[in-house]
């Protein structure tokens, strides 16, 4: 091969190498550009980008496969998040996810309800109403297992992919467990005290009465002394009888009934002096209480103007507000033309019937007692609200503007024989709480912080 031919061949080979290099560079640049486009889309959480397969089918198919796999992965992650979100939204356990700065990343509805807050964005917002819980959770400390008021608090930690350590706190309402333990303690103590005291009182009463009958002397001090012994022992016997009522509670006979008419009946009874005096002379726990006509007969009428009540001593109700929020239609009834000294009642009721599963007579007795307590606290307004939360339990709030409770009184109102009334026995609220607990419900003081009113919240189960 001559030198010119070699030169020509070298030039051709050089051109071919240059052409291949250009093609390779263009291909590499095109793939890199497509990878950058795909990465930019993924950075924007867009997994829908696809490349045409008519050019560079192998490369574009591979890139499309990567995009599809990432899209499927993202869908599974979103699906998992929704799954766990639905769990945290429906469980009765409160869940708080707290950042090291104190900011709340997650507060499920149960936590908001248990802490009685409209929203929680920072742990410091709990200080006014829950200072002890705020101090407990302000510094992320995993492994906590303690009780704060009526809440069982447990904490654990979780480290994110960015290295941030989050504190997960769970809150469980143990009011019913505390109430049950407290009542069982009182029950056992009552049984022992009742047995021992009654055994000691009975002979004293009998001997004092016998001596009074047989004594024929003229000394007044003997007569007065025997009278004092007899009266004192009888008073002690009555006290023990009241004590015994805390333990001898008839078992509930649950039925399904509408709570709204029963509430209106309780108001009718509690505001009627004659009925109250009659009830005071009978057993408060009898299961054969008479049936009274409800105040509002057509409370769920589609167009209620003024509810009628023909009992002359019962409060008259009128429809004053109508709320038709989606999912929770309600209306408000307010008393009018109340006689002097009678409080004004405001009832916020669902339009549909509120069916609960409990012992009707026992629930009626509790409602009468709670309303009477509000009246005796010199309340001018008693606001009662029935709501139907998503956990299949009916909630009834009774709030009054009467004499507010002191912090010491608020912690002791359910303690048997604790009373602030001059002639009170101190068993009304403790007995009411036990009745509701026996009916698988709860009765607690839920007065909002720094609120001059007093609010008691009663929950009852709905039919299974």
Protein backbone atom coordinates (compact mmCIF):
# COMPACT_ATOMS: atom_id res chain seq x y z
CA UNK A 1 0.00 0.00 0.00
CA UNK A 2 1.43 3.30 -1.08
CA UNK A 3 1.92 6.27 1.23
CA UNK A 4 -0.98 8.31 -0.24
CA UNK A 5 -3.28 5.33 0.31
CA UNK A 6 -2.12 5.02 3.90
CA UNK A 7 -2.75 8.70 4.46
CA UNK A 8 -6.24 8.44 2.98
CA UNK A 9 -6.96 5.35 5.13
CA UNK A 10 -5.73 7.13 8.24
CA UNK A 11 -7.90 10.13 7.46
CA UNK A 12 -10.95 7.86 7.00
CA UNK A 13 -10.26 6.04 10.26
CA UNK A 14 -9.83 9.36 12.06
CA UNK A 15 -13.12 10.62 10.65
CA UNK A 16 -14.85 7.39 11.73
CA UNK A 17 -13.40 7.76 15.23
CA UNK A 18 -14.52 11.39 15.39
CA UNK A 19 -17.99 10.44 14.14
CA UNK A 20 -18.24 7.65 16.76
CA UNK A 21 -17.05 9.99 19.49
CA UNK A 22 -19.64 12.59 18.48
CA UNK A 23 -22.38 9.93 18.42
CA UNK A 24 -21.28 8.60 21.79
CA UNK A 25 -21.14 12.11 23.23
CA UNK A 26 -24.60 12.95 21.88
CA UNK A 27 -26.00 9.66 23.23
CA UNK A 28 -24.41 10.19 26.62
CA UNK A 29 -25.59 13.78 26.75
CA UNK A 30 -29.11 12.77 25.74
CA UNK A 31 -29.25 10.04 28.42
CA UNK A 32 -27.82 12.42 30.99
CA UNK A 33 -30.35 15.07 30.03
CA UNK A 34 -33.19 12.56 30.36
CA UNK A 35 -31.86 11.39 33.72
CA UNK A 36 -31.72 15.00 34.91
CA UNK A 37 -35.30 15.56 33.72
CA UNK A 38 -36.41 12.43 35.54
CA UNK A 39 -34.57 13.44 38.73
CA UNK A 40 -36.02 16.97 38.60
CA UNK A 41 -39.49 15.50 38.26
CA UNK A 42 -38.87 13.15 41.21
CA UNK A 43 -37.60 16.08 43.27
CA UNK A 44 -40.98 17.69 42.60
CA UNK A 45 -42.74 14.45 43.63
CA UNK A 46 -43.86 13.92 40.03
CA UNK A 47 -43.58 10.27 39.06
CA UNK A 48 -45.72 10.53 35.95
CA UNK A 49 -42.92 11.44 33.50
CA UNK A 50 -42.40 8.95 30.68
CA UNK A 51 -40.10 8.95 27.59
CA UNK A 52 -41.04 7.81 24.08
CA UNK A 53 -39.72 4.36 23.19
CA UNK A 54 -39.51 4.92 19.41
CA UNK A 55 -36.06 6.48 19.89
CA UNK A 56 -33.41 4.86 22.09
CA UNK A 57 -35.91 2.17 23.07
CA UNK A 58 -33.59 0.36 25.47
CA UNK A 59 -32.58 3.49 27.39
CA UNK A 60 -36.05 5.03 27.43
CA UNK A 61 -37.66 1.73 28.45
CA UNK A 62 -35.21 1.42 31.33
CA UNK A 63 -35.88 5.00 32.43
CA UNK A 64 -39.65 4.45 32.16
CA UNK A 65 -39.29 1.30 34.25
CA UNK A 66 -37.42 3.22 36.93
CA UNK A 67 -40.09 5.93 36.91
CA UNK A 68 -42.89 3.34 37.12
CA UNK A 69 -41.24 1.53 40.04
CA UNK A 70 -40.79 4.81 41.90
CA UNK A 71 -44.41 5.71 41.17
CA UNK A 72 -45.58 2.37 42.55
CA UNK A 73 -43.37 2.82 45.60
CA UNK A 74 -44.75 6.29 46.21
CA UNK A 75 -48.32 5.00 45.88
CA UNK A 76 -47.60 2.27 48.43
CA UNK A 77 -46.08 4.82 50.82
CA UNK A 78 -49.13 7.10 50.47
CA UNK A 79 -51.43 4.13 50.95
CA UNK A 80 -49.52 3.09 54.09
CA UNK A 81 -49.67 6.66 55.44
CA UNK A 82 -53.44 6.78 54.88
CA UNK A 83 -53.80 3.39 56.54
CA UNK A 84 -51.95 4.48 59.68
CA UNK A 85 -53.67 7.86 59.59
CA UNK A 86 -57.07 6.17 59.61
CA UNK A 87 -55.95 4.09 62.59
CA UNK A 88 -54.72 7.08 64.60
CA UNK A 89 -57.89 9.01 63.73
CA UNK A 90 -60.23 6.31 65.03
CA UNK A 91 -58.45 4.80 68.05
CA UNK A 92 -59.40 5.98 71.53
CA UNK A 93 -55.73 6.32 72.46
CA UNK A 94 -54.31 9.82 72.07
CA UNK A 95 -51.10 10.09 70.05
CA UNK A 96 -48.68 13.03 70.08
CA UNK A 97 -45.54 13.21 67.92
CA UNK A 98 -43.27 15.87 69.36
CA UNK A 99 -40.16 17.41 67.77
CA UNK A 100 -37.09 18.29 69.89
CA UNK A 101 -38.15 21.94 69.61
CA UNK A 102 -41.50 21.14 71.23
CA UNK A 103 -43.53 21.50 68.05
CA UNK A 104 -46.29 18.95 67.60
CA UNK A 105 -45.99 17.08 64.30
CA UNK A 106 -49.10 15.00 64.94
CA UNK A 107 -51.98 15.18 67.39
CA UNK A 108 -54.76 12.74 66.59
CA UNK A 109 -58.43 13.53 67.40
CA UNK A 110 -58.32 11.37 70.54
CA UNK A 111 -55.42 13.42 71.95
CA UNK A 112 -57.22 16.68 71.22
CA UNK A 113 -60.36 15.35 72.89
CA UNK A 114 -58.55 13.96 75.95
CA UNK A 115 -56.64 17.21 76.47
CA UNK A 116 -59.77 19.29 75.76
CA UNK A 117 -58.03 21.58 73.27
CA UNK A 118 -59.26 22.84 69.89
CA UNK A 119 -55.79 22.22 68.43
CA UNK A 120 -52.24 21.53 69.64
CA UNK A 121 -49.27 22.97 67.74
CA UNK A 122 -46.66 23.29 70.49
CA UNK A 123 -46.23 21.46 73.78
CA UNK A 124 -46.11 24.79 75.64
CA UNK A 125 -49.76 25.41 74.72
CA UNK A 126 -50.68 22.73 77.28
CA UNK A 127 -49.15 24.61 80.21
CA UNK A 128 -52.28 26.56 81.29
CA UNK A 129 -54.47 23.45 81.60
CA UNK A 130 -51.95 20.59 81.82
CA UNK A 131 -48.77 22.02 83.43
CA UNK A 132 -47.59 18.65 84.75
CA UNK A 133 -47.98 17.01 81.34
CA UNK A 134 -46.23 19.96 79.67
CA UNK A 135 -43.24 19.60 82.03
CA UNK A 136 -43.19 15.85 81.45
CA UNK A 137 -43.13 16.06 77.64
CA UNK A 138 -41.20 19.31 77.16
CA UNK A 139 -37.88 17.45 77.28
CA UNK A 140 -37.98 14.42 74.95
CA UNK A 141 -37.50 11.46 77.28
CA UNK A 142 -38.35 8.00 75.92
CA UNK A 143 -39.40 5.19 78.21
CA UNK A 144 -41.84 7.21 80.36
CA UNK A 145 -44.68 5.16 81.84
CA UNK A 146 -46.65 7.19 84.36
CA UNK A 147 -50.05 8.63 85.19
CA UNK A 148 -51.00 12.31 84.91
CA UNK A 149 -54.42 12.97 86.43
CA UNK A 150 -56.72 10.58 84.59
CA UNK A 151 -54.27 9.87 81.74
CA UNK A 152 -51.81 7.01 81.42
CA UNK A 153 -48.80 8.46 79.57
CA UNK A 154 -46.20 6.38 77.74
CA UNK A 155 -43.40 7.65 75.51
CA UNK A 156 -40.98 6.22 72.98
CA UNK A 157 -38.56 7.74 70.48
CA UNK A 158 -38.24 7.52 66.73
CA UNK A 159 -35.32 8.65 64.58
CA UNK A 160 -36.13 9.93 61.08
CA UNK A 161 -33.98 9.40 57.98
CA UNK A 162 -32.66 12.94 58.49
CA UNK A 163 -31.39 12.05 61.95
CA UNK A 164 -34.07 13.96 63.87
CA UNK A 165 -35.32 12.25 67.04
CA UNK A 166 -39.06 12.52 67.56
CA UNK A 167 -40.88 11.70 70.78
CA UNK A 168 -44.06 9.64 70.43
CA UNK A 169 -46.39 9.97 73.43
CA UNK A 170 -49.55 7.90 73.88
CA UNK A 171 -52.38 9.02 76.18
CA UNK A 172 -55.03 6.65 77.53
CA UNK A 173 -58.02 7.74 79.59
CA UNK A 174 -58.07 5.55 82.69
CA UNK A 175 -60.93 7.36 84.42
CA UNK A 176 -63.11 4.26 84.38
CA UNK A 177 -60.29 2.09 85.76
CA UNK A 178 -59.56 4.63 88.50
CA UNK A 179 -63.24 4.94 89.29
CA UNK A 180 -63.66 1.17 89.36
CA UNK A 181 -60.64 0.71 91.64
CA UNK A 182 -61.83 3.52 93.89
CA UNK A 183 -65.35 2.13 94.07
CA UNK A 184 -64.15 -1.39 94.73
CA UNK A 185 -62.04 -0.08 97.61
CA UNK A 186 -65.01 1.78 99.06
CA UNK A 187 -67.22 -1.24 98.49
CA UNK A 188 -64.96 -3.55 100.47
CA UNK A 189 -64.49 -1.00 103.23
CA UNK A 190 -68.24 -0.35 103.33
CA UNK A 191 -68.96 -4.04 103.65
CA UNK A 192 -66.61 -4.39 106.60
CA UNK A 193 -67.71 -1.19 108.32
CA UNK A 194 -71.39 -1.92 107.76
CA UNK A 195 -71.06 -5.36 109.29
CA UNK A 196 -69.05 -4.25 112.30
CA UNK A 197 -70.94 -1.03 113.06
CA UNK A 198 -74.40 -2.53 112.61
CA UNK A 199 -73.48 -5.40 114.91
CA UNK A 200 -72.44 -2.86 117.52
CA UNK A 201 -75.34 -0.45 117.04
CA UNK A 202 -78.24 -2.91 117.10
CA UNK A 203 -77.80 -3.98 120.77
CA UNK A 204 -77.29 -0.38 121.89
CA UNK A 205 -80.52 0.77 120.21
CA UNK A 206 -82.42 -2.21 121.60
CA UNK A 207 -81.10 -1.77 125.16
CA UNK A 208 -81.73 2.01 125.16
CA UNK A 209 -85.32 1.54 123.97
CA UNK A 210 -85.90 -1.25 126.52
CA UNK A 211 -84.53 0.87 129.40
CA UNK A 212 -86.72 3.81 128.36
CA UNK A 213 -89.80 1.56 128.48
CA UNK A 214 -88.92 -0.01 131.85
CA UNK A 215 -87.59 3.06 133.62
CA UNK A 216 -90.22 4.57 135.90
CA UNK A 217 -88.02 6.95 137.90
CA UNK A 218 -88.36 10.70 138.05
CA UNK A 219 -84.78 11.72 137.19
CA UNK A 220 -84.88 13.78 133.99
CA UNK A 221 -81.21 13.25 133.33
CA UNK A 222 -81.82 9.53 132.94
CA UNK A 223 -84.62 10.10 130.45
CA UNK A 224 -82.60 12.67 128.54
CA UNK A 225 -79.57 10.40 128.59
CA UNK A 226 -81.47 7.45 127.22
CA UNK A 227 -83.03 9.69 124.56
CA UNK A 228 -79.57 10.93 123.61
CA UNK A 229 -78.25 7.38 123.34
CA UNK A 230 -81.23 6.30 121.27
CA UNK A 231 -81.09 9.33 118.95
CA UNK A 232 -77.32 9.09 118.47
CA UNK A 233 -77.38 5.41 117.67
CA UNK A 234 -80.30 5.84 115.30
CA UNK A 235 -78.43 8.64 113.51
CA UNK A 236 -75.39 6.42 113.26
CA UNK A 237 -77.59 3.61 112.00
CA UNK A 238 -79.01 5.89 109.29
CA UNK A 239 -75.48 6.96 108.38
CA UNK A 240 -74.42 3.34 107.99
CA UNK A 241 -77.56 2.67 105.95
CA UNK A 242 -76.51 5.46 103.56
CA UNK A 243 -73.03 3.97 103.50
CA UNK A 244 -74.51 0.62 102.56
CA UNK A 245 -76.27 2.16 99.56
CA UNK A 246 -72.85 2.55 97.93
CA UNK A 247 -72.40 -1.21 97.81
CA UNK A 248 -75.93 -2.57 97.51
CA UNK A 249 -76.58 -1.36 93.99
CA UNK A 250 -79.12 -3.33 91.95
CA UNK A 251 -77.52 -4.75 88.82
CA UNK A 252 -78.38 -2.70 85.74
CA UNK A 253 -81.10 -3.98 83.43
CA UNK A 254 -79.96 -2.36 80.18
CA UNK A 255 -82.37 -1.61 77.36
CA UNK A 256 -82.22 0.55 74.24
CA UNK A 257 -83.92 3.91 74.71
CA UNK A 258 -83.83 7.47 73.38
CA UNK A 259 -81.85 9.70 75.75
CA UNK A 260 -83.49 13.00 74.74
CA UNK A 261 -86.99 12.37 76.15
CA UNK A 262 -85.41 10.90 79.31
CA UNK A 263 -83.35 14.06 79.75
CA UNK A 264 -86.43 16.21 79.37
CA UNK A 265 -88.23 14.03 81.91
CA UNK A 266 -85.30 14.49 84.33
CA UNK A 267 -85.58 18.28 83.96
CA UNK A 268 -89.32 18.04 84.60
CA UNK A 269 -88.71 16.02 87.77
CA UNK A 270 -85.76 18.04 89.05
CA UNK A 271 -87.66 21.33 88.72
CA UNK A 272 -90.83 20.02 90.37
CA UNK A 273 -90.72 20.42 94.16
CA UNK A 274 -93.56 17.99 94.67
CA UNK A 275 -91.97 15.29 92.57
CA UNK A 276 -88.57 15.78 94.16
CA UNK A 277 -90.01 15.46 97.68
CA UNK A 278 -91.83 12.31 96.64
CA UNK A 279 -88.66 10.84 95.19
CA UNK A 280 -86.73 11.74 98.35
CA UNK A 281 -89.05 9.50 100.35
CA UNK A 282 -88.51 6.50 98.09
CA UNK A 283 -85.50 4.44 97.09
CA UNK A 284 -83.46 6.33 94.50
CA UNK A 285 -82.37 3.13 92.84
CA UNK A 286 -85.69 1.44 92.27
CA UNK A 287 -86.19 -0.05 88.85
CA UNK A 288 -89.93 0.68 88.73
CA UNK A 289 -89.99 4.47 88.69
CA UNK A 290 -93.14 5.90 87.11
CA UNK A 291 -93.02 7.02 83.52
CA UNK A 292 -93.42 10.78 83.05
CA UNK A 293 -94.39 12.60 79.92
CA UNK A 294 -91.44 14.26 78.13
CA UNK A 295 -91.35 18.04 77.98
CA UNK A 296 -90.75 18.11 74.23
CA UNK A 297 -92.91 15.67 72.33
CA UNK A 298 -91.74 16.45 68.81
CA UNK A 299 -88.11 17.38 69.36
CA UNK A 300 -87.05 15.90 66.03
CA UNK A 301 -89.85 17.42 63.99
CA UNK A 302 -88.63 18.78 60.70
CA UNK A 303 -90.17 22.17 61.41
CA UNK A 304 -90.45 22.67 65.17
CA UNK A 305 -91.57 26.12 66.21
CA UNK A 306 -92.38 25.94 69.90
CA UNK A 307 -92.45 22.74 71.92
CA UNK A 308 -95.54 22.28 74.04
CA UNK A 309 -95.63 21.20 77.67
CA UNK A 310 -98.91 21.10 79.49
CA UNK A 311 -97.53 20.45 82.96
CA UNK A 312 -98.11 23.73 84.81
CA UNK A 313 -94.91 23.52 86.87
CA UNK A 314 -92.60 22.37 84.09
CA UNK A 315 -90.26 24.74 82.24
CA UNK A 316 -91.47 25.90 78.84
CA UNK A 317 -89.07 25.45 75.91
CA UNK A 318 -88.79 27.34 72.66
CA UNK A 319 -86.61 26.68 69.62
CA UNK A 320 -84.11 29.54 69.47
CA UNK A 321 -81.23 28.31 67.29
CA UNK A 322 -81.02 25.82 64.49
CA UNK A 323 -77.62 24.45 63.38
CA UNK A 324 -77.47 22.23 60.34
CA UNK A 325 -73.78 21.50 60.04
CA UNK A 326 -73.05 18.64 57.72
CA UNK A 327 -72.92 15.37 59.59
CA UNK A 328 -74.18 16.76 62.91
CA UNK A 329 -77.54 18.54 62.54
CA UNK A 330 -78.62 19.96 65.88
CA UNK A 331 -81.06 22.42 67.33
CA UNK A 332 -81.10 24.38 70.59
CA UNK A 333 -84.03 24.71 72.99
CA UNK A 334 -84.17 27.45 75.62
CA UNK A 335 -86.64 27.81 78.47
CA UNK A 336 -88.87 30.83 78.64
CA UNK A 337 -91.30 32.23 81.21
CA UNK A 338 -89.56 30.37 84.05
CA UNK A 339 -90.93 31.11 87.50
CA UNK A 340 -88.88 33.19 89.93
CA UNK A 341 -85.76 31.43 91.16
CA UNK A 342 -85.82 28.78 88.44
CA UNK A 343 -82.71 28.56 86.24
CA UNK A 344 -82.87 28.90 82.49
CA UNK A 345 -82.21 25.65 80.61
CA UNK A 346 -80.50 25.54 77.22
CA UNK A 347 -80.62 22.15 75.49
CA UNK A 348 -78.50 21.46 72.42
CA UNK A 349 -79.85 18.25 70.91
CA UNK A 350 -79.27 16.20 67.75
CA UNK A 351 -82.21 16.18 65.37
CA UNK A 352 -82.14 12.38 65.19
CA UNK A 353 -82.94 10.14 68.18
CA UNK A 354 -80.03 9.46 70.54
CA UNK A 355 -80.25 5.76 71.40
CA UNK A 356 -78.22 4.45 74.33
CA UNK A 357 -77.93 0.99 75.88
CA UNK A 358 -78.25 1.26 79.65
CA UNK A 359 -80.65 0.93 82.57
CA UNK A 360 -83.23 3.65 81.94
CA UNK A 361 -84.32 4.13 85.57
CA UNK A 362 -80.77 4.31 86.87
CA UNK A 363 -79.74 6.83 84.20
CA UNK A 364 -82.84 8.89 85.02
CA UNK A 365 -81.86 8.97 88.70
CA UNK A 366 -78.35 10.18 87.80
CA UNK A 367 -79.67 12.93 85.51
CA UNK A 368 -82.08 14.14 88.21
CA UNK A 369 -79.23 14.26 90.73
CA UNK A 370 -76.88 16.18 88.41
CA UNK A 371 -79.56 18.74 87.51
CA UNK A 372 -80.59 19.15 91.16
CA UNK A 373 -76.95 19.72 92.12
CA UNK A 374 -76.72 22.47 89.51
CA UNK A 375 -79.93 24.08 90.79
CA UNK A 376 -78.71 23.89 94.40
CA UNK A 377 -75.45 25.57 93.33
CA UNK A 378 -77.58 28.69 92.57
CA UNK A 379 -77.18 28.35 88.82
CA UNK A 380 -79.05 30.84 86.66
CA UNK A 381 -78.26 29.04 83.39
CA UNK A 382 -77.90 25.28 82.94
CA UNK A 383 -76.61 24.32 79.48
CA UNK A 384 -77.04 20.69 78.45
CA UNK A 385 -75.57 19.32 75.23
CA UNK A 386 -75.91 15.85 73.73
CA UNK A 387 -73.42 14.84 71.04
CA UNK A 388 -72.67 11.64 69.18
CA UNK A 389 -68.90 11.17 68.69
CA UNK A 390 -67.49 8.65 66.24
CA UNK A 391 -66.47 6.14 68.94
CA UNK A 392 -70.05 4.83 69.33
CA UNK A 393 -70.52 6.51 72.70
CA UNK A 394 -73.05 9.21 73.53
CA UNK A 395 -71.66 12.26 75.34
CA UNK A 396 -73.86 14.46 77.54
CA UNK A 397 -72.43 17.68 79.02
CA UNK A 398 -74.20 19.48 81.87
CA UNK A 399 -72.70 22.92 82.49
CA UNK A 400 -73.94 25.54 84.95
CA UNK A 401 -72.90 29.02 86.06
CA UNK A 402 -73.57 28.41 89.75
CA UNK A 403 -71.09 28.69 92.60
CA UNK A 404 -67.78 27.54 91.08
CA UNK A 405 -65.82 24.68 92.61
CA UNK A 406 -62.56 25.36 94.37
CA UNK A 407 -59.54 23.34 93.19
CA UNK A 408 -59.66 21.24 96.37
CA UNK A 409 -63.40 20.59 96.02
CA UNK A 410 -63.02 19.70 92.33
CA UNK A 411 -60.64 16.85 93.17
CA UNK A 412 -62.95 15.43 95.85
CA UNK A 413 -66.49 15.75 94.52
CA UNK A 414 -66.72 12.02 93.70
CA UNK A 415 -65.33 10.96 97.09
CA UNK A 416 -68.03 9.23 99.15
CA UNK A 417 -69.38 11.35 102.02
CA UNK A 418 -67.57 14.49 100.90
CA UNK A 419 -70.08 17.33 100.63
CA UNK A 420 -70.16 21.12 100.67
CA UNK A 421 -73.87 21.22 101.50
CA UNK A 422 -75.00 21.98 105.05
CA UNK A 423 -77.29 18.95 105.25
CA UNK A 424 -75.81 16.87 102.43
CA UNK A 425 -74.94 13.19 102.78
CA UNK A 426 -72.08 13.24 100.29
CA UNK A 427 -73.16 10.10 98.44
CA UNK A 428 -75.03 11.65 95.49
CA UNK A 429 -72.16 12.13 93.04
CA UNK A 430 -70.20 9.07 94.16
CA UNK A 431 -73.33 6.95 93.81
CA UNK A 432 -74.09 8.54 90.42
CA UNK A 433 -70.58 7.77 89.21
CA UNK A 434 -70.91 4.18 90.34
CA UNK A 435 -74.27 3.82 88.60
CA UNK A 436 -72.84 5.11 85.33
CA UNK A 437 -69.74 2.92 85.69
CA UNK A 438 -71.98 -0.12 86.24
CA UNK A 439 -73.74 0.82 82.97
CA UNK A 440 -70.35 0.82 81.14
CA UNK A 441 -70.21 4.61 80.95
CA UNK A 442 -68.19 7.39 82.56
CA UNK A 443 -69.01 10.43 84.68
CA UNK A 444 -66.26 13.02 85.15
CA UNK A 445 -65.72 16.66 85.96
CA UNK A 446 -64.54 18.31 82.72
CA UNK A 447 -64.65 22.02 83.57
CA UNK A 448 -62.50 23.92 81.03
CA UNK A 449 -59.44 25.70 82.49
CA UNK A 450 -60.01 29.22 83.85
CA UNK A 451 -63.75 28.84 83.27
CA UNK A 452 -66.12 30.07 85.99
CA UNK A 453 -68.73 27.46 85.05
CA UNK A 454 -68.91 23.86 86.25
CA UNK A 455 -69.25 21.10 83.66
CA UNK A 456 -69.87 17.40 84.24
CA UNK A 457 -69.56 15.04 81.28
CA UNK A 458 -71.44 11.77 81.13
CA UNK A 459 -70.85 9.12 78.45
CA UNK A 460 -73.02 6.09 77.74
CA UNK A 461 -72.66 3.21 75.29
CA UNK A 462 -74.82 2.88 72.21
CA UNK A 463 -76.47 -0.38 71.15
CA UNK A 464 -74.03 -2.93 69.73
